Amino acid sequence: ALQIEETANPTLAGIDYKFDVFDNPNELRRRIVELNRQSNKARMVAGYCWDWKGKKSPDIEDVQIPEQGFSMRWNLDKDGPLWLVSPDSVAEIGCIHTCQGLELDYIGVVIGKDLVIRDGRVVTDGSKRSSQDRSIHGFKPMLKADPETARAVADRIIKNTYRTLMTRGQKGCFVFCMDPETNEYFRQFVEYSHAETTWLEAAEPSNHRKPPASED
């Protein structure tokens, strides 16, 4: 789905796994809160496209999507690497730096403007990431000195970021994309999430898919 060459699970066939796409991030948040009541193992995460201004202040909601009336605060600094399992952290939204190495039952992912789909292809933009994101530190100077290398490095980092975020949930992943075309791209995987097909096949335009084999 993210057009990364290697994938641990090329097919969802036979896997009891939930995947859904939301048109509104508030609906996504409500779904995660609902699932979290079961075992405190559902959380929200997002691409690092917003500055972390409220690092130590619970009053600042950093992740803002005004057109959807959505806002959440980045995770507070007090929980450190254990943010993902802190009982109250369902009210916060995590990023790549606070959820690596930890797994949940369900994950809700907000895909920012750093990754969009255009004509069926994943297009990344390192300039849409927060300048505080240390994973792309030095991107702007590199972009001036060697644009091709800078874009390639950022492309790999951004794709791997979302792969990590989207695989934190062992039982399900739910997404909202800020870009409408990108949301529609991921929606096709809802149809195929329990079908006998691979992610690669599902990503192909419908007129390019092979017809089913005849039963004769």
C-alpha atoms as a PDB file:
ATOM      1  CA  ALA A   1       0.000   0.000   0.000  1.00  0.00           C
ATOM      2  CA  LEU A   2       2.872   2.364   0.784  1.00  0.00           C
ATOM      3  CA  GLN A   3       4.808   1.075  -2.242  1.00  0.00           C
ATOM      4  CA  ILE A   4       7.772  -0.119  -0.222  1.00  0.00           C
ATOM      5  CA  GLU A   5       9.454  -3.051  -1.912  1.00  0.00           C
ATOM      6  CA  GLU A   6       9.707  -5.415   1.049  1.00  0.00           C
ATOM      7  CA  THR A   7       6.735  -6.305   3.216  1.00  0.00           C
ATOM      8  CA  ALA A   8       6.371  -8.878   5.958  1.00  0.00           C
ATOM      9  CA  ASN A   9       2.716  -9.562   5.116  1.00  0.00           C
ATOM     10  CA  PRO A  10       2.090  -9.418   1.367  1.00  0.00           C
ATOM     11  CA  THR A  11      -1.420 -10.801   1.849  1.00  0.00           C
ATOM     12  CA  LEU A  12      -4.181 -10.489   4.450  1.00  0.00           C
ATOM     13  CA  ALA A  13      -5.827 -13.715   3.343  1.00  0.00           C
ATOM     14  CA  GLY A  14      -6.844 -15.809   6.332  1.00  0.00           C
ATOM     15  CA  ILE A  15      -5.871 -13.108   8.838  1.00  0.00           C
ATOM     16  CA  ASP A  16      -8.444 -11.811  11.325  1.00  0.00           C
ATOM     17  CA  TYR A  17      -7.484  -8.159  11.006  1.00  0.00           C
ATOM     18  CA  LYS A  18      -9.600  -5.016  10.885  1.00  0.00           C
ATOM     19  CA  PHE A  19      -8.790  -2.163   8.521  1.00  0.00           C
ATOM     20  CA  ASP A  20     -10.930   0.901   7.884  1.00  0.00           C
ATOM     21  CA  VAL A  21     -10.675   4.437   6.519  1.00  0.00           C
ATOM     22  CA  PHE A  22     -12.413   7.428   8.083  1.00  0.00           C
ATOM     23  CA  ASP A  23     -13.504  10.654   6.398  1.00  0.00           C
ATOM     24  CA  ASN A  24     -13.330  12.553   9.674  1.00  0.00           C
ATOM     25  CA  PRO A  25     -10.518  12.353  12.269  1.00  0.00           C
ATOM     26  CA  ASN A  26     -13.025  12.893  15.078  1.00  0.00           C
ATOM     27  CA  GLU A  27     -14.816   9.688  14.071  1.00  0.00           C
ATOM     28  CA  LEU A  28     -11.471   7.910  14.047  1.00  0.00           C
ATOM     29  CA  ARG A  29     -10.730   9.170  17.547  1.00  0.00           C
ATOM     30  CA  ARG A  30     -14.139   8.028  18.815  1.00  0.00           C
ATOM     31  CA  ARG A  31     -13.510   4.574  17.383  1.00  0.00           C
ATOM     32  CA  ILE A  32     -10.130   4.313  19.104  1.00  0.00           C
ATOM     33  CA  VAL A  33     -11.552   5.484  22.450  1.00  0.00           C
ATOM     34  CA  GLU A  34     -14.321   2.897  22.135  1.00  0.00           C
ATOM     35  CA  LEU A  35     -11.866   0.085  21.386  1.00  0.00           C
ATOM     36  CA  ASN A  36      -9.562   1.209  24.178  1.00  0.00           C
ATOM     37  CA  ARG A  37     -12.250   0.478  26.759  1.00  0.00           C
ATOM     38  CA  GLN A  38     -11.742  -3.229  26.084  1.00  0.00           C
ATOM     39  CA  SER A  39      -8.141  -3.551  27.250  1.00  0.00           C
ATOM     40  CA  ASN A  40      -6.374  -0.151  27.209  1.00  0.00           C
ATOM     41  CA  LYS A  41      -4.618  -1.191  24.004  1.00  0.00           C
ATOM     42  CA  ALA A  42      -5.817   1.294  21.381  1.00  0.00           C
ATOM     43  CA  ARG A  43      -4.066   4.579  20.596  1.00  0.00           C
ATOM     44  CA  MET A  44      -3.867   7.419  18.078  1.00  0.00           C
ATOM     45  CA  VAL A  45      -0.667   8.301  16.217  1.00  0.00           C
ATOM     46  CA  ALA A  46       0.197  10.703  13.405  1.00  0.00           C
ATOM     47  CA  GLY A  47       2.944  11.635  11.005  1.00  0.00           C
ATOM     48  CA  TYR A  48       5.274  14.262  12.473  1.00  0.00           C
ATOM     49  CA  CYS A  49       3.753  17.158  10.509  1.00  0.00           C
ATOM     50  CA  TRP A  50       2.963  19.409  13.477  1.00  0.00           C
ATOM     51  CA  ASP A  51       5.385  21.118  15.861  1.00  0.00           C
ATOM     52  CA  TRP A  52       5.527  19.770  19.419  1.00  0.00           C
ATOM     53  CA  LYS A  53       4.839  23.045  21.218  1.00  0.00           C
ATOM     54  CA  GLY A  54       3.073  21.478  24.185  1.00  0.00           C
ATOM     55  CA  LYS A  55       5.873  19.119  25.180  1.00  0.00           C
ATOM     56  CA  LYS A  56       5.323  19.731  28.884  1.00  0.00           C
ATOM     57  CA  SER A  57       1.969  21.506  28.819  1.00  0.00           C
ATOM     58  CA  PRO A  58      -1.342  19.587  28.738  1.00  0.00           C
ATOM     59  CA  ASP A  59      -3.185  22.728  27.611  1.00  0.00           C
ATOM     60  CA  ILE A  60      -1.657  22.960  24.137  1.00  0.00           C
ATOM     61  CA  GLU A  61      -3.219  20.864  21.380  1.00  0.00           C
ATOM     62  CA  ASP A  62      -0.542  20.668  18.720  1.00  0.00           C
ATOM     63  CA  VAL A  63      -2.165  18.470  16.085  1.00  0.00           C
ATOM     64  CA  GLN A  64      -4.701  20.762  14.463  1.00  0.00           C
ATOM     65  CA  ILE A  65      -6.971  20.032  11.496  1.00  0.00           C
ATOM     66  CA  PRO A  66      -9.224  23.128  11.574  1.00  0.00           C
ATOM     67  CA  GLU A  67     -11.303  22.216   8.532  1.00  0.00           C
ATOM     68  CA  GLN A  68     -12.440  19.085  10.387  1.00  0.00           C
ATOM     69  CA  GLY A  69     -12.751  20.713  13.804  1.00  0.00           C
ATOM     70  CA  PHE A  70     -10.100  18.331  15.114  1.00  0.00           C
ATOM     71  CA  SER A  71      -7.339  18.947  17.613  1.00  0.00           C
ATOM     72  CA  MET A  72      -5.283  16.743  19.943  1.00  0.00           C
ATOM     73  CA  ARG A  73      -2.150  17.246  21.946  1.00  0.00           C
ATOM     74  CA  TRP A  74       1.022  15.382  21.177  1.00  0.00           C
ATOM     75  CA  ASN A  75       1.961  12.950  23.916  1.00  0.00           C
ATOM     76  CA  LEU A  76       3.326  14.605  27.046  1.00  0.00           C
ATOM     77  CA  ASP A  77       6.993  14.258  27.896  1.00  0.00           C
ATOM     78  CA  LYS A  78       6.389  12.686  31.311  1.00  0.00           C
ATOM     79  CA  ASP A  79       5.740   9.145  30.019  1.00  0.00           C
ATOM     80  CA  GLY A  80       8.844   8.915  27.844  1.00  0.00           C
ATOM     81  CA  PRO A  81       9.170   5.619  25.923  1.00  0.00           C
ATOM     82  CA  LEU A  82       6.249   4.097  27.854  1.00  0.00           C
ATOM     83  CA  TRP A  83       3.731   6.553  26.397  1.00  0.00           C
ATOM     84  CA  LEU A  84       2.000   3.851  24.371  1.00  0.00           C
ATOM     85  CA  VAL A  85       1.028   1.845  27.455  1.00  0.00           C
ATOM     86  CA  SER A  86       0.285   4.725  29.838  1.00  0.00           C
ATOM     87  CA  PRO A  87      -3.393   4.420  30.943  1.00  0.00           C
ATOM     88  CA  ASP A  88      -4.286   8.054  30.172  1.00  0.00           C
ATOM     89  CA  SER A  89      -2.454   8.364  26.869  1.00  0.00           C
ATOM     90  CA  VAL A  90      -5.543   7.537  24.802  1.00  0.00           C
ATOM     91  CA  ALA A  91      -6.311  11.264  25.147  1.00  0.00           C
ATOM     92  CA  GLU A  92      -3.025  12.086  23.394  1.00  0.00           C
ATOM     93  CA  ILE A  93      -1.616  11.426  19.951  1.00  0.00           C
ATOM     94  CA  GLY A  94       1.784   9.817  19.490  1.00  0.00           C
ATOM     95  CA  CYS A  95       4.418  10.011  16.767  1.00  0.00           C
ATOM     96  CA  ILE A  96       7.124   7.770  15.335  1.00  0.00           C
ATOM     97  CA  HIS A  97       9.509   8.577  18.190  1.00  0.00           C
ATOM     98  CA  THR A  98       7.160   7.403  20.941  1.00  0.00           C
ATOM     99  CA  CYS A  99       5.710   4.189  19.544  1.00  0.00           C
ATOM    100  CA  GLN A 100       8.576   2.228  18.007  1.00  0.00           C
ATOM    101  CA  GLY A 101       9.087  -1.205  19.523  1.00  0.00           C
ATOM    102  CA  LEU A 102       5.704  -1.264  21.266  1.00  0.00           C
ATOM    103  CA  GLU A 103       2.550  -2.931  19.993  1.00  0.00           C
ATOM    104  CA  LEU A 104      -1.154  -2.467  20.660  1.00  0.00           C
ATOM    105  CA  ASP A 105      -4.373  -4.191  19.681  1.00  0.00           C
ATOM    106  CA  TYR A 106      -5.618  -1.278  17.566  1.00  0.00           C
ATOM    107  CA  ILE A 107      -3.968   1.795  16.103  1.00  0.00           C
ATOM    108  CA  GLY A 108      -5.540   4.916  14.607  1.00  0.00           C
ATOM    109  CA  VAL A 109      -3.241   6.730  12.170  1.00  0.00           C
ATOM    110  CA  VAL A 110      -3.530  10.305  10.911  1.00  0.00           C
ATOM    111  CA  ILE A 111      -1.599  10.570   7.644  1.00  0.00           C
ATOM    112  CA  GLY A 112      -0.427  14.132   7.147  1.00  0.00           C
ATOM    113  CA  LYS A 113       0.388  16.132   4.047  1.00  0.00           C
ATOM    114  CA  ASP A 114       3.876  14.631   3.854  1.00  0.00           C
ATOM    115  CA  LEU A 115       2.428  11.579   2.073  1.00  0.00           C
ATOM    116  CA  VAL A 116      -0.191  11.793  -0.665  1.00  0.00           C
ATOM    117  CA  ILE A 117      -1.350   9.664  -3.581  1.00  0.00           C
ATOM    118  CA  ARG A 118      -1.283  11.063  -7.101  1.00  0.00           C
ATOM    119  CA  ASP A 119      -2.448   8.902 -10.009  1.00  0.00           C
ATOM    120  CA  GLY A 120      -2.050   5.790  -7.895  1.00  0.00           C
ATOM    121  CA  ARG A 121       1.515   6.571  -6.828  1.00  0.00           C
ATOM    122  CA  VAL A 122       2.809   7.475  -3.380  1.00  0.00           C
ATOM    123  CA  VAL A 123       4.315  10.983  -3.377  1.00  0.00           C
ATOM    124  CA  THR A 124       6.221  12.204  -0.325  1.00  0.00           C
ATOM    125  CA  ASP A 125       7.308  15.705   0.679  1.00  0.00           C
ATOM    126  CA  GLY A 126       9.865  16.208   3.429  1.00  0.00           C
ATOM    127  CA  SER A 127       9.072  19.924   3.617  1.00  0.00           C
ATOM    128  CA  LYS A 128       5.663  19.067   5.101  1.00  0.00           C
ATOM    129  CA  ARG A 129       7.255  17.502   8.176  1.00  0.00           C
ATOM    130  CA  SER A 130       7.766  19.521  11.332  1.00  0.00           C
ATOM    131  CA  SER A 131      11.192  21.141  11.551  1.00  0.00           C
ATOM    132  CA  GLN A 132      11.415  19.540  15.012  1.00  0.00           C
ATOM    133  CA  ASP A 133      11.415  16.038  13.530  1.00  0.00           C
ATOM    134  CA  ARG A 134      14.960  14.852  14.139  1.00  0.00           C
ATOM    135  CA  SER A 135      14.604  12.007  11.635  1.00  0.00           C
ATOM    136  CA  ILE A 136      14.831  14.528   8.771  1.00  0.00           C
ATOM    137  CA  HIS A 137      17.327  16.862  10.431  1.00  0.00           C
ATOM    138  CA  GLY A 138      19.367  18.620   7.751  1.00  0.00           C
ATOM    139  CA  PHE A 139      16.787  18.040   5.013  1.00  0.00           C
ATOM    140  CA  LYS A 140      16.551  21.669   3.862  1.00  0.00           C
ATOM    141  CA  PRO A 141      20.332  22.244   3.490  1.00  0.00           C
ATOM    142  CA  MET A 142      20.632  18.903   1.700  1.00  0.00           C
ATOM    143  CA  LEU A 143      17.738  19.863  -0.579  1.00  0.00           C
ATOM    144  CA  LYS A 144      19.714  22.885  -1.751  1.00  0.00           C
ATOM    145  CA  ALA A 145      23.008  21.015  -2.132  1.00  0.00           C
ATOM    146  CA  ASP A 146      21.735  17.741  -3.592  1.00  0.00           C
ATOM    147  CA  PRO A 147      17.971  17.790  -4.281  1.00  0.00           C
ATOM    148  CA  GLU A 148      17.769  14.280  -5.732  1.00  0.00           C
ATOM    149  CA  THR A 149      19.475  12.649  -2.756  1.00  0.00           C
ATOM    150  CA  ALA A 150      17.511  14.762  -0.272  1.00  0.00           C
ATOM    151  CA  ARG A 151      14.179  13.741  -1.785  1.00  0.00           C
ATOM    152  CA  ALA A 152      15.192  10.078  -1.919  1.00  0.00           C
ATOM    153  CA  VAL A 153      16.246  10.074   1.739  1.00  0.00           C
ATOM    154  CA  ALA A 154      13.068  11.868   2.832  1.00  0.00           C
ATOM    155  CA  ASP A 155      10.944   9.516   0.724  1.00  0.00           C
ATOM    156  CA  ARG A 156      12.398   6.469   2.460  1.00  0.00           C
ATOM    157  CA  ILE A 157      12.022   8.004   5.935  1.00  0.00           C
ATOM    158  CA  ILE A 158       8.417   9.091   5.393  1.00  0.00           C
ATOM    159  CA  LYS A 159       7.297   5.755   3.951  1.00  0.00           C
ATOM    160  CA  ASN A 160       9.014   3.828   6.730  1.00  0.00           C
ATOM    161  CA  THR A 161       7.467   6.164   9.299  1.00  0.00           C
ATOM    162  CA  TYR A 162       3.947   5.343   8.186  1.00  0.00           C
ATOM    163  CA  ARG A 163       4.722   1.656   7.819  1.00  0.00           C
ATOM    164  CA  THR A 164       5.865   1.648  11.451  1.00  0.00           C
ATOM    165  CA  LEU A 165       2.818   3.603  12.625  1.00  0.00           C
ATOM    166  CA  MET A 166       0.352   1.468  10.681  1.00  0.00           C
ATOM    167  CA  THR A 167       1.792  -1.800  11.981  1.00  0.00           C
ATOM    168  CA  ARG A 168       1.566  -0.987  15.707  1.00  0.00           C
ATOM    169  CA  GLY A 169      -1.899  -2.561  15.894  1.00  0.00           C
ATOM    170  CA  GLN A 170      -1.925  -6.362  16.023  1.00  0.00           C
ATOM    171  CA  LYS A 171      -5.684  -6.651  15.555  1.00  0.00           C
ATOM    172  CA  GLY A 172      -6.483  -3.628  13.440  1.00  0.00           C
ATOM    173  CA  CYS A 173      -5.471  -0.347  11.856  1.00  0.00           C
ATOM    174  CA  PHE A 174      -7.728   2.619  11.112  1.00  0.00           C
ATOM    175  CA  VAL A 175      -6.621   5.629   9.097  1.00  0.00           C
ATOM    176  CA  PHE A 176      -7.581   9.170   8.214  1.00  0.00           C
ATOM    177  CA  CYS A 177      -5.658  10.997   5.490  1.00  0.00           C
ATOM    178  CA  MET A 178      -5.644  14.774   5.300  1.00  0.00           C
ATOM    179  CA  ASP A 179      -5.594  14.521   1.514  1.00  0.00           C
ATOM    180  CA  PRO A 180      -8.951  13.284   0.075  1.00  0.00           C
ATOM    181  CA  GLU A 181      -7.394  11.443  -2.888  1.00  0.00           C
ATOM    182  CA  THR A 182      -5.111   9.604  -0.488  1.00  0.00           C
ATOM    183  CA  ASN A 183      -8.069   8.652   1.690  1.00  0.00           C
ATOM    184  CA  GLU A 184      -9.788   7.137  -1.349  1.00  0.00           C
ATOM    185  CA  TYR A 185      -6.649   5.210  -2.268  1.00  0.00           C
ATOM    186  CA  PHE A 186      -6.530   3.536   1.137  1.00  0.00           C
ATOM    187  CA  ARG A 187     -10.264   2.887   1.082  1.00  0.00           C
ATOM    188  CA  GLN A 188      -9.800   0.213  -1.572  1.00  0.00           C
ATOM    189  CA  PHE A 189      -7.956  -1.906   0.996  1.00  0.00           C
ATOM    190  CA  VAL A 190     -11.068  -2.005   3.177  1.00  0.00           C
ATOM    191  CA  GLU A 191     -12.722  -4.072   0.442  1.00  0.00           C
ATOM    192  CA  TYR A 192      -9.727  -6.385   0.207  1.00  0.00           C
ATOM    193  CA  SER A 193      -8.820  -6.619   3.895  1.00  0.00           C
ATOM    194  CA  HIS A 194     -10.343 -10.092   4.204  1.00  0.00           C
ATOM    195  CA  ALA A 195     -10.173 -11.168   0.574  1.00  0.00           C
ATOM    196  CA  GLU A 196      -7.918 -13.719  -1.099  1.00  0.00           C
ATOM    197  CA  THR A 197      -5.726 -11.090  -2.714  1.00  0.00           C
ATOM    198  CA  THR A 198      -2.403  -9.410  -2.146  1.00  0.00           C
ATOM    199  CA  TRP A 199      -1.866  -5.753  -1.291  1.00  0.00           C
ATOM    200  CA  LEU A 200      -0.086  -5.358  -4.618  1.00  0.00           C
ATOM    201  CA  GLU A 201      -3.024  -6.760  -6.569  1.00  0.00           C
ATOM    202  CA  ALA A 202      -5.441  -4.584  -4.635  1.00  0.00           C
ATOM    203  CA  ALA A 203      -3.402  -1.495  -5.474  1.00  0.00           C
ATOM    204  CA  GLU A 204      -3.645  -2.089  -9.215  1.00  0.00           C
ATOM    205  CA  PRO A 205      -6.302  -0.120 -11.126  1.00  0.00           C
ATOM    206  CA  SER A 206      -9.401  -2.271 -11.610  1.00  0.00           C
ATOM    207  CA  ASN A 207      -9.039  -2.348 -15.390  1.00  0.00           C
ATOM    208  CA  HIS A 208      -5.542  -3.817 -14.999  1.00  0.00           C
ATOM    209  CA  ARG A 209      -6.493  -6.679 -12.700  1.00  0.00           C
ATOM    210  CA  LYS A 210      -6.625 -10.147 -14.122  1.00  0.00           C
ATOM    211  CA  PRO A 211     -10.112 -11.671 -14.388  1.00  0.00           C
ATOM    212  CA  PRO A 212     -10.831 -14.586 -12.045  1.00  0.00           C
ATOM    213  CA  ALA A 213      -9.958 -18.016 -13.366  1.00  0.00           C
ATOM    214  CA  SER A 214     -12.790 -19.939 -14.960  1.00  0.00           C
ATOM    215  CA  GLU A 215     -14.279 -22.743 -12.889  1.00  0.00           C
ATOM    216  CA  ASP A 216     -14.883 -24.859 -15.994  1.00  0.00           C
END
